[in-house]
N, C-alpha and C. Protein backbone atom coordinates (compact mmCIF):
# COMPACT_ATOMS: atom_id res chain seq x y z
N MET A 1 49.31 131.64 -18.91
CA MET A 1 50.02 132.69 -19.02
C MET A 1 50.64 132.75 -17.49
N ALA A 2 52.23 133.44 -17.91
CA ALA A 2 53.13 133.38 -16.60
C ALA A 2 52.60 134.06 -15.33
N THR A 3 52.77 133.96 -14.40
CA THR A 3 52.59 134.15 -13.21
C THR A 3 54.10 134.96 -12.43
N LYS A 4 54.33 136.40 -11.98
CA LYS A 4 55.95 136.01 -11.63
C LYS A 4 55.76 135.95 -10.48
N ASN A 5 56.50 135.58 -9.80
CA ASN A 5 57.33 135.01 -8.40
C ASN A 5 57.51 136.42 -7.48
N ALA A 6 58.02 136.84 -7.56
CA ALA A 6 58.28 137.81 -7.00
C ALA A 6 58.59 139.23 -7.46
N LYS A 7 58.65 140.17 -6.20
CA LYS A 7 58.96 141.82 -7.19
C LYS A 7 60.40 141.74 -7.30
N GLN A 8 60.96 142.38 -8.69
CA GLN A 8 62.61 142.17 -8.54
C GLN A 8 62.18 143.79 -9.82
N PRO A 9 63.52 144.57 -9.35
CA PRO A 9 63.87 145.87 -9.95
C PRO A 9 63.94 145.30 -11.22
N THR A 10 63.12 146.53 -11.90
CA THR A 10 63.27 146.49 -13.16
C THR A 10 63.84 147.82 -13.98
N ASP A 11 64.07 147.02 -15.22
CA ASP A 11 64.39 148.59 -16.36
C ASP A 11 63.60 148.38 -17.59
N ARG A 12 63.47 149.33 -18.30
CA ARG A 12 63.40 149.60 -19.15
C ARG A 12 63.51 149.68 -20.57
N ILE A 13 63.73 148.42 -21.24
CA ILE A 13 64.57 148.47 -23.36
C ILE A 13 63.22 148.86 -24.30
N THR A 14 64.39 149.41 -25.16
CA THR A 14 63.03 149.98 -26.19
C THR A 14 63.99 148.74 -27.41
N VAL A 15 62.41 148.12 -27.87
CA VAL A 15 63.31 147.21 -29.46
C VAL A 15 62.84 147.65 -30.67
N ARG A 16 62.93 147.58 -31.61
CA ARG A 16 62.67 147.91 -33.32
C ARG A 16 61.90 146.14 -33.32
N LEU A 17 61.11 146.22 -34.02
CA LEU A 17 60.74 144.55 -34.59
C LEU A 17 59.91 145.30 -35.72
N PRO A 18 60.06 144.64 -37.36
CA PRO A 18 59.51 144.02 -38.42
C PRO A 18 58.15 144.05 -37.87
N LYS A 19 57.40 145.08 -38.79
CA LYS A 19 55.77 144.86 -38.29
C LYS A 19 54.95 143.33 -38.54
N ALA A 20 55.28 142.91 -39.63
CA ALA A 20 54.54 141.38 -39.57
C ALA A 20 54.72 140.73 -38.06
N GLN A 21 56.34 140.97 -37.55
CA GLN A 21 56.64 140.27 -35.87
C GLN A 21 55.38 141.34 -34.64
N ILE A 22 55.61 142.67 -34.77
CA ILE A 22 54.71 142.69 -34.25
C ILE A 22 52.85 142.83 -34.34
N GLU A 23 52.69 142.47 -35.50
CA GLU A 23 51.03 141.68 -35.50
C GLU A 23 51.17 140.84 -35.02
N GLN A 24 52.29 139.64 -35.07
CA GLN A 24 51.61 138.54 -34.16
C GLN A 24 51.96 138.36 -33.09
N VAL A 25 52.99 139.57 -32.35
CA VAL A 25 52.49 139.73 -30.87
C VAL A 25 51.00 140.20 -30.69
N SER A 26 50.95 141.20 -31.45
CA SER A 26 49.22 141.52 -31.19
C SER A 26 48.21 140.73 -31.15
N ALA A 27 48.25 139.31 -32.04
CA ALA A 27 47.78 138.53 -32.35
C ALA A 27 47.43 137.23 -31.05
N LEU A 28 48.72 137.27 -30.82
CA LEU A 28 49.03 136.66 -28.88
C LEU A 28 48.51 136.81 -28.65
N VAL A 29 48.19 138.47 -28.16
CA VAL A 29 46.87 139.20 -26.89
C VAL A 29 45.90 139.10 -27.30
N ASN A 30 45.61 139.31 -28.45
CA ASN A 30 44.27 139.18 -28.84
C ASN A 30 43.74 138.17 -28.45
N ALA A 31 44.34 136.44 -28.74
CA ALA A 31 43.86 135.66 -28.70
C ALA A 31 43.45 135.22 -27.07
N GLY A 32 43.99 135.93 -26.37
CA GLY A 32 44.10 136.04 -24.99
C GLY A 32 45.23 135.27 -23.84
N MET A 33 45.69 134.80 -25.16
CA MET A 33 47.27 134.17 -24.60
C MET A 33 47.98 134.66 -23.39
N TYR A 34 48.17 135.97 -24.08
CA TYR A 34 48.85 136.78 -22.86
C TYR A 34 48.50 137.69 -22.73
N ARG A 35 48.78 138.98 -21.33
CA ARG A 35 47.88 139.99 -20.70
C ARG A 35 47.78 141.47 -21.89
N ASN A 36 49.24 141.06 -22.36
CA ASN A 36 49.87 142.48 -22.84
C ASN A 36 50.88 142.06 -24.05
N THR A 37 51.94 142.98 -24.53
CA THR A 37 53.11 143.05 -25.45
C THR A 37 53.83 142.95 -24.64
N THR A 38 53.89 143.31 -23.30
CA THR A 38 55.14 143.51 -22.48
C THR A 38 55.24 141.91 -21.88
N ASP A 39 54.41 141.01 -21.36
CA ASP A 39 54.05 139.94 -20.89
C ASP A 39 54.85 138.80 -22.01
N VAL A 40 54.40 138.83 -23.51
CA VAL A 40 54.95 138.32 -24.53
C VAL A 40 56.82 138.36 -25.13
N VAL A 41 56.78 139.34 -24.76
CA VAL A 41 58.13 140.15 -24.42
C VAL A 41 58.89 139.17 -23.74
N TYR A 42 58.44 139.82 -22.58
CA TYR A 42 58.62 139.33 -21.14
C TYR A 42 59.16 137.49 -20.69
N ASN A 43 58.12 137.15 -21.97
CA ASN A 43 58.26 135.50 -21.35
C ASN A 43 59.44 134.66 -22.58
N ALA A 44 59.19 135.93 -23.46
CA ALA A 44 60.35 135.05 -24.59
C ALA A 44 61.63 135.36 -24.45
N ILE A 45 61.91 136.59 -23.79
CA ILE A 45 63.08 136.94 -23.28
C ILE A 45 63.70 135.72 -21.84
N LYS A 46 62.26 135.46 -21.21
CA LYS A 46 62.91 134.53 -20.09
C LYS A 46 62.91 132.99 -20.39
N SER A 47 62.36 132.81 -21.80
CA SER A 47 62.48 131.32 -22.24
C SER A 47 63.80 131.20 -23.37
N LEU A 48 64.15 132.12 -24.01
CA LEU A 48 65.59 132.49 -24.37
C LEU A 48 66.73 132.12 -23.39
N LEU A 49 66.49 132.92 -22.24
CA LEU A 49 67.46 132.70 -21.25
C LEU A 49 67.84 131.62 -20.69
N MET A 50 66.26 130.60 -20.45
CA MET A 50 66.05 129.21 -20.22
C MET A 50 67.15 128.46 -20.88
N THR A 51 66.94 129.06 -22.33
CA THR A 51 67.68 127.90 -23.27
C THR A 51 69.33 128.25 -23.77
N LYS A 52 69.65 129.18 -23.68
CA LYS A 52 70.54 130.10 -23.86
C LYS A 52 71.14 130.47 -22.83
N GLY A 53 70.81 130.90 -21.70
CA GLY A 53 71.31 131.14 -20.51
C GLY A 53 72.97 131.01 -20.13
N GLY A 54 72.95 129.79 -20.37
CA GLY A 54 74.81 128.79 -19.89
C GLY A 54 75.11 129.30 -20.42
N GLU A 55 74.87 129.58 -22.23
CA GLU A 55 75.83 129.62 -22.90
C GLU A 55 76.37 130.96 -22.88
N ALA A 56 75.70 131.73 -22.18
CA ALA A 56 76.11 133.16 -22.19
C ALA A 56 76.98 132.96 -20.70
N LYS A 57 76.67 132.53 -19.94
CA LYS A 57 77.39 132.83 -18.66
C LYS A 57 78.72 132.32 -18.97
N GLN A 58 78.92 130.96 -19.96
CA GLN A 58 80.33 130.43 -20.15
C GLN A 58 81.15 131.55 -21.22
N THR A 59 80.30 132.16 -22.36
CA THR A 59 81.26 133.36 -22.69
C THR A 59 81.83 134.34 -21.55
N ILE A 60 81.33 134.86 -20.50
CA ILE A 60 81.20 135.79 -19.87
C ILE A 60 82.22 134.91 -18.89
N GLU A 61 82.14 134.43 -18.47
CA GLU A 61 83.27 133.63 -17.64
C GLU A 61 84.79 133.71 -18.41
N ALA A 62 84.62 133.36 -19.86
CA ALA A 62 85.90 133.13 -21.00
C ALA A 62 86.14 134.15 -20.66
N GLN A 63 85.46 135.47 -20.87
CA GLN A 63 85.58 136.96 -21.41
C GLN A 63 86.59 137.11 -19.97
N LYS A 64 85.54 136.88 -18.79
CA LYS A 64 86.80 137.56 -17.68
C LYS A 64 87.82 136.82 -17.52
N GLY A 65 88.47 135.47 -17.27
CA GLY A 65 89.55 134.62 -17.73
C GLY A 65 90.48 135.40 -18.46
N LEU A 66 90.12 135.50 -19.96
CA LEU A 66 91.04 136.19 -20.77
C LEU A 66 91.49 137.58 -20.73
N LEU A 67 90.30 138.17 -20.15
CA LEU A 67 90.86 139.67 -19.34
C LEU A 67 91.74 139.69 -18.27
N GLU A 68 92.10 138.68 -17.40
CA GLU A 68 93.04 138.32 -16.22
C GLU A 68 93.81 138.22 -16.55
N ILE A 69 94.14 137.17 -17.68
CA ILE A 69 95.25 137.07 -18.71
C ILE A 69 96.24 137.89 -18.96
N GLN A 70 95.57 139.26 -19.55
CA GLN A 70 95.44 140.25 -20.63
C GLN A 70 96.30 140.83 -19.36
N GLU A 71 95.65 141.15 -17.72
CA GLU A 71 96.34 141.69 -17.02
C GLU A 71 97.19 141.70 -16.53
N ALA A 72 97.35 140.29 -16.63
CA ALA A 72 98.91 139.31 -15.59
C ALA A 72 99.93 139.62 -16.91
N LEU A 73 99.53 139.14 -18.21
CA LEU A 73 100.17 139.74 -19.00
C LEU A 73 101.65 141.10 -19.57
N ALA A 74 100.34 142.17 -19.26
CA ALA A 74 100.53 143.49 -18.92
C ALA A 74 101.46 143.76 -17.67
N LYS A 75 101.00 143.51 -16.59
CA LYS A 75 102.35 143.22 -15.57
C LYS A 75 103.64 142.59 -15.93
N ILE A 76 103.26 141.66 -16.33
CA ILE A 76 104.85 141.09 -16.10
C ILE A 76 105.53 142.40 -17.66
N GLU A 77 104.65 142.59 -18.74
CA GLU A 77 105.74 143.33 -19.15
C GLU A 77 106.27 144.66 -18.78
N GLN A 78 105.34 145.38 -17.94
CA GLN A 78 105.60 146.50 -16.87
C GLN A 78 106.88 146.01 -16.11
N THR A 79 106.80 144.86 -15.30
CA THR A 79 108.59 144.82 -14.72
C THR A 79 109.56 144.51 -15.85
N LYS A 80 109.08 143.79 -16.56
CA LYS A 80 110.06 143.58 -17.64
C LYS A 80 110.45 144.64 -17.79
N ARG A 81 110.39 146.05 -18.42
CA ARG A 81 110.71 147.01 -18.64
C ARG A 81 111.60 147.88 -17.36
N LYS A 82 110.81 147.78 -16.55
CA LYS A 82 111.14 148.56 -15.20
C LYS A 82 112.85 147.61 -14.50
N LEU A 83 112.95 146.56 -15.19
CA LEU A 83 114.22 146.18 -14.94
C LEU A 83 115.19 145.80 -15.93
N GLY A 84 114.40 146.54 -16.93
CA GLY A 84 115.26 146.13 -18.45
C GLY A 84 115.08 145.28 -19.17
N LEU A 85 114.63 144.40 -19.00
CA LEU A 85 114.64 143.44 -19.90
C LEU A 85 113.83 143.46 -21.24
N SER A 86 113.29 144.51 -21.37
CA SER A 86 112.34 144.46 -22.62
C SER A 86 113.27 144.86 -23.89
């Protein structure tokens, strides 16, 4: 069972899962592998973020870069209009 190192602010999310997956989660809890369903979900998300988190970060950074480019282009177009160049 995983233990949490430090208290961090938390928030709540609601997830809908197929009944078969809920039964599998319950089986993990009943087998004593996890304390409760929250612990199962917490550890699954933690594992996912450890393996895919870098990809998500790259995507976010790319989106930020694209937004910066779009904002710069909008400023250029605005300046061109002010100068009567459009």
